[in-house]
Amino acid sequence: MLSSIWNLVLYKPLVNALAFLVFIVPGGDVGIAIIALTIIVKIALYPLSQRSIESQVKMNELAPHLDKIKKSGKSREEQGQLTLDLYKEHKTNPFSGCFLVLIQIPIIFALYFVFLKGLKFDNTTLYSFIHIPEQINMMFLGIIDLGDKSLILALLAAGSQYLQAHYMPKPPTSSANPGSFQESFAKSMQMQMKYIFPILIFVILYTDFLGIAASGAIALYWITSNLFSVGQQIYANKKKDALVVKAN
């Protein structure tokens, strides 16, 4: 049941979209088609991901107010009510960011599996109105073979992952409970996302880590997705700074 829904709603539409893009791209350059499809999907998810980023930024901005509530000495019930009132006043839902991310995950994974399974376009997979590409060129820009592992693309994917982690909103620090487990855990996760995860991405994309036979196509998808997210985060940061300047 779940497999049928996955194929019908996510996997098959993305495979057909990729086949269409390969068909219309000059020379059937799969790399250009992968970049185009990734950008299209990211643009479609933009409203959700942007709201998630803005939710993170708002939560960071509310951190000092939450600290004041914690240091007020009031009972837990009173603190809880004050916290709810603060969220209502600033029109913020602390769980909305997580919810929006969860919505995106199946779509991102479906796109990943499209590239992981390889380009096998046939009549059993494609819709009747989608033509099977006459030419499928795996040499991206005539330079990099996307059907095999690529050291250059694996390195660029790791670098783009580092940039994405670098521009992510920093976890808020609490003056009410400095050095708490929650704060230490958040900082530890941020450090791992920034320094450990890029290394892991490189290992996965350039070796058969855990039996995952990744290709240059997956690396190119990862690079495109990360760079789009970096640009989105930079835009969100500039938007936030502009609002602060306007308020002052």
Protein backbone atom coordinates (compact mmCIF):
# COMPACT_ATOMS: atom_id res chain seq x y z
CA MET A 1 0.00 0.00 0.00
CA LEU A 2 2.64 2.52 1.05
CA SER A 3 4.86 1.40 -1.83
CA SER A 4 2.04 2.03 -4.31
CA ILE A 5 1.39 5.51 -2.89
CA TRP A 6 5.14 6.27 -2.98
CA ASN A 7 5.38 5.29 -6.66
CA LEU A 8 2.14 6.95 -7.71
CA VAL A 9 2.48 10.27 -5.87
CA LEU A 10 6.24 10.86 -5.64
CA TYR A 11 8.63 8.56 -7.49
CA LYS A 12 6.85 8.14 -10.83
CA PRO A 13 6.07 11.85 -11.37
CA LEU A 14 9.72 12.75 -10.69
CA VAL A 15 11.01 10.05 -13.06
CA ASN A 16 8.71 11.36 -15.79
CA ALA A 17 9.77 14.95 -15.13
CA LEU A 18 13.42 13.93 -15.44
CA ALA A 19 12.71 12.01 -18.68
CA PHE A 20 10.95 15.07 -20.10
CA LEU A 21 13.87 17.34 -19.17
CA VAL A 22 16.46 14.96 -20.66
CA PHE A 23 14.31 14.86 -23.83
CA ILE A 24 14.21 18.66 -24.25
CA VAL A 25 17.76 19.49 -23.06
CA PRO A 26 20.12 19.95 -26.02
CA GLY A 27 22.27 16.87 -26.46
CA GLY A 28 20.33 15.03 -23.76
CA ASP A 29 22.76 16.27 -21.08
CA VAL A 30 21.61 14.43 -17.95
CA GLY A 31 23.57 16.79 -15.69
CA ILE A 32 21.66 19.85 -16.89
CA ALA A 33 18.39 17.92 -16.51
CA ILE A 34 19.30 16.94 -12.93
CA ILE A 35 20.10 20.55 -12.02
CA ALA A 36 16.85 21.77 -13.61
CA LEU A 37 14.70 19.13 -11.88
CA THR A 38 16.33 19.76 -8.50
CA ILE A 39 15.75 23.52 -8.81
CA ILE A 40 12.13 22.98 -9.90
CA VAL A 41 11.46 20.77 -6.87
CA LYS A 42 13.21 23.21 -4.51
CA ILE A 43 11.18 26.11 -5.92
CA ALA A 44 7.98 24.09 -5.42
CA LEU A 45 9.00 23.47 -1.81
CA TYR A 46 10.22 27.06 -1.33
CA PRO A 47 7.16 28.37 0.58
CA LEU A 48 7.40 25.49 3.08
CA SER A 49 11.16 25.64 3.54
CA GLN A 50 11.14 29.44 3.77
CA ARG A 51 8.52 29.35 6.52
CA SER A 52 10.61 26.76 8.33
CA ILE A 53 13.69 29.01 8.17
CA GLU A 54 11.70 32.03 9.32
CA SER A 55 10.30 29.98 12.21
CA GLN A 56 13.86 29.13 13.32
CA VAL A 57 14.87 32.79 13.12
CA LYS A 58 11.84 33.87 15.17
CA MET A 59 12.56 31.27 17.84
CA ASN A 60 16.12 32.61 18.14
CA GLU A 61 14.78 36.15 18.48
CA LEU A 62 12.39 35.05 21.23
CA ALA A 63 15.15 33.34 23.23
CA PRO A 64 15.85 36.39 25.50
CA HIS A 65 12.13 36.71 26.31
CA LEU A 66 11.92 33.00 27.12
CA ASP A 67 14.93 33.42 29.42
CA LYS A 68 13.13 36.18 31.31
CA ILE A 69 10.12 33.92 31.81
CA LYS A 70 12.36 31.13 33.15
CA LYS A 71 14.08 33.53 35.57
CA SER A 72 10.81 35.09 36.74
CA GLY A 73 10.47 32.58 39.59
CA LYS A 74 6.87 31.84 38.68
CA SER A 75 5.35 28.36 38.86
CA ARG A 76 5.59 26.00 35.91
CA GLU A 77 1.93 26.56 35.07
CA GLU A 78 2.39 30.34 35.03
CA GLN A 79 5.58 30.05 32.97
CA GLY A 80 3.77 27.80 30.50
CA GLN A 81 0.94 30.30 30.12
CA LEU A 82 3.35 33.22 29.69
CA THR A 83 5.25 31.23 27.06
CA LEU A 84 2.04 30.48 25.14
CA ASP A 85 1.06 34.16 25.32
CA LEU A 86 4.50 35.11 23.97
CA TYR A 87 4.11 32.73 21.02
CA LYS A 88 0.62 34.10 20.29
CA GLU A 89 1.82 37.71 20.49
CA HIS A 90 4.59 37.06 17.98
CA LYS A 91 2.48 34.64 15.89
CA THR A 92 5.02 31.87 16.30
CA ASN A 93 4.54 28.12 16.56
CA PRO A 94 7.64 26.37 17.97
CA PHE A 95 6.67 23.13 16.21
CA SER A 96 5.85 24.56 12.78
CA GLY A 97 9.47 24.41 11.62
CA CYS A 98 9.71 20.68 12.39
CA PHE A 99 6.34 20.00 10.77
CA LEU A 100 7.29 21.81 7.57
CA VAL A 101 10.59 19.94 7.38
CA LEU A 102 8.79 16.60 7.81
CA ILE A 103 6.52 17.41 4.86
CA GLN A 104 9.54 17.99 2.61
CA ILE A 105 11.48 14.85 3.57
CA PRO A 106 9.47 12.32 1.47
CA ILE A 107 9.76 14.52 -1.62
CA ILE A 108 13.51 15.01 -1.19
CA PHE A 109 14.03 11.29 -0.64
CA ALA A 110 11.95 10.46 -3.72
CA LEU A 111 14.12 12.78 -5.80
CA TYR A 112 17.22 11.14 -4.32
CA PHE A 113 15.98 7.66 -5.25
CA VAL A 114 15.26 8.78 -8.81
CA PHE A 115 18.98 9.40 -9.26
CA LEU A 116 20.04 6.44 -7.10
CA LYS A 117 18.15 3.88 -9.21
CA GLY A 118 19.65 5.22 -12.42
CA LEU A 119 18.06 6.46 -15.61
CA LYS A 120 15.92 3.55 -16.76
CA PHE A 121 13.26 5.12 -18.93
CA ASP A 122 10.76 2.65 -20.37
CA ASN A 123 7.06 2.37 -21.13
CA THR A 124 6.35 0.73 -17.75
CA THR A 125 7.64 3.81 -15.91
CA LEU A 126 6.77 6.71 -18.20
CA TYR A 127 3.36 8.20 -18.83
CA SER A 128 1.91 7.74 -22.32
CA PHE A 129 2.46 11.42 -23.18
CA ILE A 130 6.15 11.42 -22.12
CA HIS A 131 8.62 10.47 -24.84
CA ILE A 132 11.56 8.20 -24.08
CA PRO A 133 14.66 10.40 -24.60
CA GLU A 134 16.36 9.58 -27.90
CA GLN A 135 19.72 10.66 -26.50
CA ILE A 136 20.90 10.18 -22.90
CA ASN A 137 24.28 11.84 -22.38
CA MET A 138 25.83 11.00 -19.00
CA MET A 139 28.87 13.23 -19.65
CA PHE A 140 27.97 16.43 -17.81
CA LEU A 141 29.06 19.36 -20.00
CA GLY A 142 31.19 16.80 -21.86
CA ILE A 143 33.60 16.61 -18.90
CA ILE A 144 32.28 14.57 -15.93
CA ASP A 145 30.79 11.08 -16.22
CA LEU A 146 27.68 11.09 -14.01
CA GLY A 147 27.28 7.35 -14.29
CA ASP A 148 30.39 6.78 -12.19
CA LYS A 149 31.83 8.23 -8.99
CA SER A 150 33.43 11.65 -9.31
CA LEU A 151 36.10 12.97 -6.94
CA ILE A 152 35.44 16.55 -8.01
CA LEU A 153 31.68 16.33 -7.47
CA ALA A 154 32.11 14.47 -4.16
CA LEU A 155 34.41 17.25 -2.90
CA LEU A 156 32.03 19.95 -4.12
CA ALA A 157 29.11 18.16 -2.44
CA ALA A 158 31.02 18.08 0.86
CA GLY A 159 31.91 21.77 0.47
CA SER A 160 28.31 22.73 -0.29
CA GLN A 161 27.17 20.77 2.76
CA TYR A 162 29.61 22.75 4.92
CA LEU A 163 28.27 26.02 3.49
CA GLN A 164 24.69 25.02 4.19
CA ALA A 165 25.55 24.20 7.83
CA HIS A 166 27.53 27.45 8.11
CA TYR A 167 24.53 29.58 7.11
CA MET A 168 21.99 27.73 9.24
CA PRO A 169 20.55 29.78 12.15
CA LYS A 170 22.72 29.43 15.25
CA PRO A 171 21.07 27.75 18.25
CA PRO A 172 19.99 30.32 20.86
CA THR A 173 22.00 30.60 24.07
CA SER A 174 20.18 30.74 27.37
CA SER A 175 21.29 33.16 30.08
CA ALA A 176 18.75 31.59 32.44
CA ASN A 177 20.37 28.17 32.25
CA PRO A 178 23.83 28.51 30.65
CA GLY A 179 25.67 25.30 29.90
CA SER A 180 22.48 23.23 30.15
CA PHE A 181 22.23 19.82 28.49
CA GLN A 182 19.82 21.21 25.88
CA GLU A 183 22.14 24.07 24.97
CA SER A 184 25.23 21.82 24.89
CA PHE A 185 23.40 19.26 22.76
CA ALA A 186 22.29 21.93 20.25
CA LYS A 187 25.84 23.29 19.94
CA SER A 188 27.23 19.76 19.56
CA MET A 189 24.74 18.99 16.79
CA GLN A 190 25.62 22.22 15.02
CA MET A 191 29.34 21.41 15.15
CA GLN A 192 28.72 17.91 13.80
CA MET A 193 26.53 19.23 10.98
CA LYS A 194 29.23 21.73 10.07
CA TYR A 195 32.35 19.56 10.26
CA ILE A 196 31.45 15.86 10.51
CA PHE A 197 28.49 15.63 8.13
CA PRO A 198 30.38 17.05 5.11
CA ILE A 199 33.05 14.38 5.61
CA LEU A 200 30.35 11.72 5.82
CA ILE A 201 28.76 13.02 2.62
CA PHE A 202 32.10 12.80 0.82
CA VAL A 203 32.66 9.22 2.04
CA ILE A 204 29.17 8.17 0.93
CA LEU A 205 29.51 9.79 -2.50
CA TYR A 206 33.03 8.57 -3.26
CA THR A 207 33.07 5.11 -1.67
CA ASP A 208 30.65 2.20 -1.44
CA PHE A 209 29.87 3.18 2.14
CA LEU A 210 27.34 0.77 3.69
CA GLY A 211 26.87 -0.75 0.25
CA ILE A 212 25.43 2.48 -1.20
CA ALA A 213 26.65 2.73 -4.79
CA ALA A 214 26.38 6.49 -5.20
CA SER A 215 27.12 8.11 -8.54
CA GLY A 216 28.09 11.51 -9.87
CA ALA A 217 24.39 12.11 -10.60
CA ILE A 218 23.55 11.94 -6.89
CA ALA A 219 26.52 14.20 -6.05
CA LEU A 220 25.33 16.79 -8.60
CA TYR A 221 21.83 16.66 -7.11
CA TRP A 222 23.30 17.15 -3.62
CA ILE A 223 25.39 20.15 -4.72
CA THR A 224 22.45 21.83 -6.45
CA SER A 225 20.12 21.24 -3.51
CA ASN A 226 22.64 22.56 -0.97
CA LEU A 227 23.52 25.67 -2.98
CA PHE A 228 19.84 26.48 -3.40
CA SER A 229 19.37 26.14 0.38
CA VAL A 230 22.40 28.38 1.02
CA GLY A 231 20.96 31.09 -1.24
CA GLN A 232 17.59 30.76 0.49
CA GLN A 233 19.18 31.12 3.93
CA ILE A 234 21.21 34.17 2.86
CA TYR A 235 18.01 35.75 1.52
CA ALA A 236 16.20 35.01 4.80
CA ASN A 237 19.07 36.56 6.80
CA LYS A 238 19.04 39.72 4.66
CA LYS A 239 15.27 39.95 4.97
CA LYS A 240 15.54 39.67 8.76
CA ASP A 241 18.30 42.33 8.91
CA ALA A 242 16.20 44.68 6.75
CA LEU A 243 13.23 44.30 9.10
CA VAL A 244 15.46 45.04 12.12
CA VAL A 245 16.83 48.21 10.47
CA LYS A 246 13.32 49.29 9.52
CA ALA A 247 12.07 48.73 13.08
CA ASN A 248 14.89 50.86 14.50
